[in-house]
Amino acid sequence: MRATKRLNNEMRKVTLEVNACKYGEGSCLACFGDTKVMCVASLEDKLPMWLKGAKQGWISAEYGMLPRSTEERMEREAARGFQTGRTQEIQRLIGRCLRACVDLKKIPDIAIKVDCDVIQADGGTRTAAITGGFCALYLALARMERAGILKKIPLISTISAVSAGFYEGRPILDLDYMEDSNAETDANFCITGDGRIVEIQGTAERMPFTREELDRLLDLAFKGTEELARLQRRVLKINRKEREDEREAEAAAQRAAERAAEREAQAAALLTPATAFDDMGREETGDGEDDDVLEVEEITEEEVILDDGEGNENDEKDESDEKPSRTLTLRRT
C-alpha cells in the first residue's frame, strides 16, 4: 500500500473541468490529485513561416509554472529572460502529442496554440497538461465547426498521458511528487484512445531496468490511459457526437443513393425508344422509315393484274372456266 493509500495500479482522483476559462476558444482545468493545470486553446491568425503554402494547419503548445505552484516560490522564467531546457522539452512534447490526434491537412492555414499553465504541482504536470490540453483543443475545434470554419472536427483519436515507475521495488501508476522524486525508475507514456503509443519517456534514476520491467510499466500505463480516455469522451460528449455524425452520414448516403437511382431511371427512360402502335394494333418501330408490308387482297379473276414484264398491264379472262374463280394476290406496298 502506498503512502496515499492507493493501490499500485490505481490512479489519483482525476477531474477534467471543461470551459474553465471564459476567453479561450477551448479550455480545461485538469486535476490529477493535487496537481492542477489550466489548459487553454487559442486560434491564431498566422502559421509558422516554414508552413506557408503547405495547405495544412499547425498545433503547438506552451508550458509554464506559476511562481508559487510549488512548495517554495520559484522565479518566473520571464524575469530570467529565458526558458529552461525542461520547459522547452515539455512544451514540445505536448505539441507533438496534440498534433498526433488531429488531421492537420483538414485544418489548412489554421494555427492553434495550447497554453498549459501549472497552478499547483504535485508530480505529473506534463501528463496532466497533455490530457487537459487535448480537451481544450477538442473544444476549440468544435467551436470552429459550429462557426462554419471547419466542416467537421478532424479528430483522429483522443490522447492522454500518465506516469508509471518503480518505487521501493514495486511498479506503480501515476506517481505523485514524493514518489516521483524517490523512484528508482520513472517514465511517462503518451497513448491514444485507441491504444497506440505516441511517445515514451523513461529514465532509470538508479539502476537500469529490464525489458520485463518495462512491459510491467506499459501494462500499468495502458490501464491508466484507458481510464483517462473514457473520462475525456464522457466530459467532451465525443461518443454522442460520433453517433450523431454517423447517423447523419448514413442519412446523407441514403439520400444520395435515392437521387442517383432517380437520375439513372430518368436517363434510362430517355434512352429507351417509345413503342407505338398503328390503328390496326401493329407495333411501329419508330425508325422514321416505311417498312415493307405484305398486303393480302381478295379479288376475283377479272381483277387479276397481269404484268407482261415490260411494264404493261393487261386484263385477261380465262374462258375455260365458266365460274369466276376466287384467287389471292399479294401486293407489296
Protein backbone atom coordinates (compact mmCIF):
# COMPACT_ATOMS: atom_id res chain seq x y z
CA MET A 1 0.00 0.00 0.00
CA ARG A 2 1.29 3.44 -0.95
CA ALA A 3 1.51 6.40 1.40
CA THR A 4 -1.61 7.85 -0.24
CA LYS A 5 -3.49 4.56 0.45
CA ARG A 6 -3.72 3.91 -3.26
CA LEU A 7 -3.18 0.54 -4.88
CA ASN A 8 -0.13 0.15 -7.08
CA ASN A 9 -2.28 0.22 -10.22
CA GLU A 10 -4.62 2.97 -9.02
CA MET A 11 -4.79 6.49 -10.44
CA ARG A 12 -5.16 9.58 -8.30
CA LYS A 13 -8.54 11.24 -8.43
CA VAL A 14 -8.73 12.88 -11.86
CA THR A 15 -11.13 15.64 -12.85
CA LEU A 16 -11.39 17.46 -16.16
CA GLU A 17 -13.33 20.71 -15.86
CA VAL A 18 -14.10 21.88 -19.39
CA ASN A 19 -14.76 25.53 -20.32
CA ALA A 20 -12.94 26.62 -17.19
CA CYS A 21 -11.65 29.79 -18.86
CA LYS A 22 -14.02 32.47 -20.11
CA TYR A 23 -11.99 33.72 -23.04
CA GLY A 24 -10.29 30.81 -24.79
CA GLU A 25 -11.75 29.02 -27.81
CA GLY A 26 -11.39 25.90 -25.69
CA SER A 27 -10.25 25.34 -22.11
CA CYS A 28 -9.93 22.67 -19.46
CA LEU A 29 -8.72 22.59 -15.87
CA ALA A 30 -7.03 19.21 -15.47
CA CYS A 31 -6.55 17.94 -11.91
CA PHE A 32 -4.54 14.82 -11.13
CA GLY A 33 -4.80 14.67 -7.37
CA ASP A 34 -3.20 17.88 -6.11
CA THR A 35 -1.64 18.68 -9.48
CA LYS A 36 -3.70 21.31 -11.30
CA VAL A 37 -3.02 22.58 -14.81
CA MET A 38 -5.06 25.18 -16.70
CA CYS A 39 -5.09 24.42 -20.43
CA VAL A 40 -6.42 26.99 -22.92
CA ALA A 41 -6.54 26.63 -26.71
CA SER A 42 -6.42 29.79 -28.83
CA LEU A 43 -6.96 30.24 -32.55
CA GLU A 44 -4.09 32.20 -34.12
CA ASP A 45 -4.10 34.12 -37.37
CA LYS A 46 -0.70 33.08 -38.66
CA LEU A 47 1.20 29.91 -39.42
CA PRO A 48 4.92 29.33 -38.96
CA MET A 49 6.85 30.72 -41.94
CA TRP A 50 8.03 27.28 -42.99
CA LEU A 51 4.42 26.13 -43.43
CA LYS A 52 3.41 28.82 -45.91
CA GLY A 53 1.75 27.18 -48.91
CA ALA A 54 1.81 23.72 -47.31
CA LYS A 55 -2.01 23.53 -47.22
CA GLN A 56 -2.11 22.24 -43.67
CA GLY A 57 -2.58 23.61 -40.18
CA TRP A 58 -0.38 23.58 -37.11
CA ILE A 59 -0.82 22.94 -33.40
CA SER A 60 1.77 23.97 -30.83
CA ALA A 61 1.91 24.36 -27.08
CA GLU A 62 3.48 26.48 -24.39
CA TYR A 63 4.09 25.29 -20.85
CA GLY A 64 4.84 27.21 -17.71
CA MET A 65 4.59 27.06 -13.92
CA LEU A 66 3.26 29.81 -11.69
CA PRO A 67 5.85 31.04 -9.16
CA ARG A 68 4.01 29.55 -6.21
CA SER A 69 2.79 26.38 -7.88
CA THR A 70 5.49 24.61 -5.86
CA GLU A 71 6.21 24.41 -2.14
CA GLU A 72 8.72 27.22 -2.42
CA ARG A 73 8.36 30.18 -4.73
CA MET A 74 10.23 29.86 -8.00
CA GLU A 75 11.33 32.76 -10.14
CA ARG A 76 9.30 33.48 -13.26
CA GLU A 77 11.05 32.47 -16.44
CA ALA A 78 10.03 35.78 -17.98
CA ALA A 79 12.00 37.53 -15.25
CA ARG A 80 15.03 35.39 -16.04
CA GLY A 81 14.70 36.25 -19.70
CA PHE A 82 14.83 32.68 -20.98
CA GLN A 83 13.04 29.35 -20.78
CA THR A 84 14.73 26.46 -19.08
CA GLY A 85 15.55 23.32 -21.03
CA ARG A 86 12.88 21.45 -19.03
CA THR A 87 10.19 23.92 -20.07
CA GLN A 88 11.14 23.72 -23.75
CA GLU A 89 11.25 19.94 -23.66
CA ILE A 90 7.82 19.64 -22.03
CA GLN A 91 6.04 22.08 -24.32
CA ARG A 92 7.47 20.34 -27.39
CA LEU A 93 6.23 17.03 -26.02
CA ILE A 94 2.74 18.47 -25.54
CA GLY A 95 2.73 19.85 -29.08
CA ARG A 96 3.80 16.52 -30.60
CA CYS A 97 1.08 14.66 -28.75
CA LEU A 98 -1.68 17.07 -29.75
CA ARG A 99 -0.64 17.05 -33.40
CA ALA A 100 -0.77 13.26 -33.40
CA CYS A 101 -4.52 13.23 -32.71
CA VAL A 102 -5.66 15.69 -35.42
CA ASP A 103 -5.53 15.50 -39.22
CA LEU A 104 -3.59 18.69 -39.90
CA LYS A 105 -4.41 18.65 -43.63
CA LYS A 106 -8.06 19.19 -42.77
CA ILE A 107 -7.35 22.45 -40.93
CA PRO A 108 -5.45 24.26 -43.70
CA ASP A 109 -3.96 27.64 -42.83
CA ILE A 110 -5.18 27.36 -39.23
CA ALA A 111 -2.83 27.64 -36.26
CA ILE A 112 -3.85 26.70 -32.72
CA LYS A 113 -1.79 27.42 -29.63
CA VAL A 114 -2.47 25.48 -26.43
CA ASP A 115 -1.20 27.16 -23.27
CA CYS A 116 -0.66 24.87 -20.29
CA ASP A 117 -0.06 26.72 -17.03
CA VAL A 118 0.63 24.79 -13.86
CA ILE A 119 -1.35 26.28 -10.98
CA GLN A 120 -0.27 23.67 -8.45
CA ALA A 121 2.37 20.98 -8.86
CA ASP A 122 2.43 17.61 -7.12
CA GLY A 123 4.02 15.40 -9.76
CA GLY A 124 2.83 14.54 -13.25
CA THR A 125 2.39 18.11 -14.53
CA ARG A 126 3.25 17.19 -18.13
CA THR A 127 0.86 14.23 -18.20
CA ALA A 128 -1.94 16.39 -16.83
CA ALA A 129 -1.09 19.08 -19.40
CA ILE A 130 -1.35 16.61 -22.29
CA THR A 131 -4.62 15.13 -21.03
CA GLY A 132 -6.22 18.51 -20.35
CA GLY A 133 -4.62 20.09 -23.42
CA PHE A 134 -6.42 17.61 -25.63
CA CYS A 135 -9.77 18.57 -24.09
CA ALA A 136 -9.06 22.27 -24.69
CA LEU A 137 -8.01 21.55 -28.28
CA TYR A 138 -11.10 19.48 -29.00
CA LEU A 139 -13.39 22.20 -27.65
CA ALA A 140 -11.66 24.78 -29.86
CA LEU A 141 -12.13 22.57 -32.92
CA ALA A 142 -15.78 22.01 -32.03
CA ARG A 143 -16.27 25.76 -31.73
CA MET A 144 -14.76 26.30 -35.18
CA GLU A 145 -17.06 23.63 -36.57
CA ARG A 146 -20.11 25.41 -35.16
CA ALA A 147 -18.86 28.69 -36.61
CA GLY A 148 -18.54 27.14 -40.04
CA ILE A 149 -14.75 27.44 -40.17
CA LEU A 150 -14.47 23.64 -40.27
CA LYS A 151 -16.90 21.26 -41.95
CA LYS A 152 -16.11 18.54 -39.42
CA ILE A 153 -13.81 18.05 -36.46
CA PRO A 154 -10.72 16.36 -37.99
CA LEU A 155 -10.15 14.12 -34.99
CA ILE A 156 -8.00 11.03 -35.39
CA SER A 157 -8.20 9.89 -31.78
CA THR A 158 -8.18 11.12 -28.23
CA ILE A 159 -4.84 11.23 -26.44
CA SER A 160 -3.84 11.21 -22.79
CA ALA A 161 -0.71 10.63 -20.76
CA VAL A 162 0.22 9.06 -17.44
CA SER A 163 3.34 8.28 -15.46
CA ALA A 164 4.47 4.90 -14.17
CA GLY A 165 7.62 3.86 -12.35
CA PHE A 166 9.33 1.63 -9.81
CA TYR A 167 9.12 2.89 -6.28
CA GLU A 168 10.63 0.82 -3.48
CA GLY A 169 10.93 -2.06 -5.91
CA ARG A 170 7.24 -2.01 -6.89
CA PRO A 171 5.75 -0.87 -10.21
CA ILE A 172 3.23 1.89 -9.52
CA LEU A 173 0.90 4.04 -11.60
CA ASP A 174 0.50 7.83 -11.64
CA LEU A 175 3.32 8.96 -9.33
CA ASP A 176 2.85 11.98 -7.10
CA TYR A 177 5.75 14.29 -6.25
CA MET A 178 7.03 12.29 -3.28
CA GLU A 179 7.03 9.05 -5.26
CA ASP A 180 8.45 10.69 -8.36
CA SER A 181 11.38 12.29 -6.54
CA ASN A 182 12.33 8.97 -4.91
CA ALA A 183 11.58 6.50 -7.71
CA GLU A 184 14.18 4.06 -8.99
CA THR A 185 12.62 4.30 -12.46
CA ASP A 186 10.29 6.99 -13.78
CA ALA A 187 8.54 7.00 -17.16
CA ASN A 188 5.82 8.97 -18.95
CA PHE A 189 3.58 7.31 -21.52
CA CYS A 190 1.56 9.19 -24.14
CA ILE A 191 -1.08 6.90 -25.64
CA THR A 192 -4.04 7.47 -27.96
CA GLY A 193 -7.58 6.47 -27.12
CA ASP A 194 -7.36 3.52 -29.50
CA GLY A 195 -4.26 2.17 -27.79
CA ARG A 196 -1.38 3.47 -29.93
CA ILE A 197 1.78 4.87 -28.42
CA VAL A 198 2.84 8.39 -29.38
CA GLU A 199 5.80 8.78 -27.05
CA ILE A 200 7.53 7.11 -24.10
CA GLN A 201 9.98 8.93 -21.87
CA GLY A 202 11.75 6.64 -19.43
CA THR A 203 14.67 7.15 -17.10
CA ALA A 204 16.46 4.80 -14.73
CA GLU A 205 17.18 7.10 -11.81
CA ARG A 206 19.27 4.49 -10.00
CA MET A 207 19.53 1.00 -11.52
CA PRO A 208 18.84 0.23 -15.21
CA PHE A 209 15.56 -1.56 -15.80
CA THR A 210 14.92 -4.66 -17.87
CA ARG A 211 12.62 -5.33 -20.81
CA GLU A 212 10.33 -7.29 -18.50
CA GLU A 213 10.14 -4.35 -16.09
CA LEU A 214 9.35 -2.01 -18.97
CA ASP A 215 6.49 -4.28 -20.01
CA ARG A 216 5.10 -4.13 -16.48
CA LEU A 217 5.13 -0.35 -16.64
CA LEU A 218 3.47 -0.44 -20.04
CA ASP A 219 0.65 -2.57 -18.68
CA LEU A 220 0.06 0.00 -15.93
CA ALA A 221 0.22 2.86 -18.42
CA PHE A 222 -2.35 1.31 -20.74
CA LYS A 223 -4.69 0.79 -17.82
CA GLY A 224 -4.33 4.41 -16.75
CA THR A 225 -4.74 5.95 -20.21
CA GLU A 226 -7.80 3.79 -20.91
CA GLU A 227 -9.42 5.31 -17.82
CA LEU A 228 -8.40 8.80 -18.89
CA ALA A 229 -9.72 8.27 -22.43
CA ARG A 230 -13.11 7.21 -21.07
CA LEU A 231 -13.21 10.32 -18.89
CA GLN A 232 -12.28 12.54 -21.85
CA ARG A 233 -15.00 11.06 -24.03
CA ARG A 234 -17.54 11.49 -21.27
CA VAL A 235 -16.82 15.13 -20.44
CA LEU A 236 -16.49 16.08 -24.13
CA LYS A 237 -19.52 14.00 -25.17
CA ILE A 238 -17.48 12.60 -28.04
CA ASN A 239 -19.41 9.32 -28.19
CA ARG A 240 -22.76 11.04 -28.58
CA LYS A 241 -21.44 13.36 -31.25
CA GLU A 242 -19.87 10.47 -33.11
CA ARG A 243 -23.19 8.64 -33.12
CA GLU A 244 -24.97 11.76 -34.39
CA ASP A 245 -22.36 12.21 -37.12
CA GLU A 246 -22.68 8.57 -38.13
CA ARG A 247 -26.47 8.81 -38.31
CA GLU A 248 -26.26 11.98 -40.39
CA ALA A 249 -23.68 10.38 -42.67
CA GLU A 250 -25.89 7.33 -43.15
CA ALA A 251 -28.93 9.51 -43.90
CA ALA A 252 -26.91 11.58 -46.37
CA ALA A 253 -25.66 8.43 -48.09
CA GLN A 254 -29.22 7.12 -48.35
CA ARG A 255 -30.42 10.38 -49.86
CA ALA A 256 -27.55 10.37 -52.33
CA ALA A 257 -28.33 6.78 -53.33
CA GLU A 258 -32.00 7.64 -53.89
CA ARG A 259 -31.08 10.65 -56.03
CA ALA A 260 -28.65 8.54 -58.06
CA ALA A 261 -31.30 5.86 -58.63
CA GLU A 262 -33.78 8.50 -59.74
CA ARG A 263 -31.28 10.01 -62.19
CA GLU A 264 -30.50 6.56 -63.62
CA ALA A 265 -34.19 5.88 -64.11
CA GLN A 266 -34.65 9.20 -65.91
CA ALA A 267 -31.63 8.54 -68.13
CA ALA A 268 -32.91 5.06 -68.99
CA ALA A 269 -36.31 6.48 -69.94
CA LEU A 270 -34.66 8.95 -72.32
CA LEU A 271 -32.55 6.27 -74.00
CA THR A 272 -35.39 3.71 -74.48
CA PRO A 273 -37.46 4.41 -77.70
CA ALA A 274 -41.19 4.69 -77.24
CA THR A 275 -43.30 1.81 -78.61
CA ALA A 276 -46.12 2.97 -80.88
CA PHE A 277 -48.97 1.05 -82.47
CA ASP A 278 -50.88 1.82 -85.64
CA ASP A 279 -54.66 1.74 -85.96
CA MET A 280 -54.51 -1.99 -86.75
CA GLY A 281 -52.83 -2.72 -83.43
CA ARG A 282 -49.47 -3.46 -85.02
CA GLU A 283 -46.25 -2.28 -83.41
CA GLU A 284 -44.41 0.52 -85.15
CA THR A 285 -40.63 0.66 -84.85
CA GLY A 286 -40.46 4.42 -85.00
CA ASP A 287 -37.24 4.43 -87.04
CA GLY A 288 -38.58 7.07 -89.40
CA GLU A 289 -38.64 4.77 -92.49
CA ASP A 290 -41.58 2.99 -94.06
CA ASP A 291 -41.45 -0.75 -93.57
CA ASP A 292 -42.30 -3.18 -96.34
CA VAL A 293 -45.67 -4.72 -95.55
CA LEU A 294 -47.21 -7.55 -97.46
CA GLU A 295 -50.85 -6.74 -98.03
CA VAL A 296 -53.26 -9.52 -98.89
CA GLU A 297 -56.20 -8.68 -101.08
CA GLU A 298 -59.07 -10.97 -102.08
CA ILE A 299 -60.16 -10.27 -105.63
CA THR A 300 -61.97 -12.00 -108.46
CA GLU A 301 -60.30 -13.44 -111.50
CA GLU A 302 -61.37 -10.48 -113.58
CA GLU A 303 -59.45 -8.20 -111.29
CA VAL A 304 -56.17 -10.07 -111.50
CA ILE A 305 -53.47 -7.69 -112.71
CA LEU A 306 -51.07 -9.27 -115.13
CA ASP A 307 -47.72 -7.82 -115.93
CA ASP A 308 -46.13 -8.72 -119.23
CA GLY A 309 -42.72 -7.98 -117.90
CA GLU A 310 -42.43 -4.75 -119.88
CA GLY A 311 -44.42 -2.68 -117.50
CA ASN A 312 -47.63 -3.16 -119.49
CA GLU A 313 -50.55 -4.45 -117.66
CA ASN A 314 -53.28 -6.48 -119.48
CA ASP A 315 -56.55 -7.80 -118.31
CA GLU A 316 -57.24 -11.34 -119.43
CA LYS A 317 -60.05 -13.67 -118.82
CA ASP A 318 -59.78 -17.41 -118.65
CA GLU A 319 -62.62 -18.74 -120.87
CA SER A 320 -62.10 -22.35 -119.82
CA ASP A 321 -63.91 -21.82 -116.59
CA GLU A 322 -67.48 -20.75 -116.53
CA LYS A 323 -67.38 -19.73 -112.95
CA PRO A 324 -65.07 -16.96 -111.94
CA SER A 325 -62.57 -18.33 -109.51
CA ARG A 326 -61.55 -16.50 -106.43
CA THR A 327 -57.85 -16.08 -106.03
CA LEU A 328 -55.47 -14.21 -103.76
CA THR A 329 -52.74 -11.94 -104.91
CA LEU A 330 -50.00 -10.37 -102.84
CA ARG A 331 -49.16 -6.77 -103.44
CA ARG A 332 -46.15 -5.10 -101.87
CA THR A 333 -47.00 -1.65 -100.60
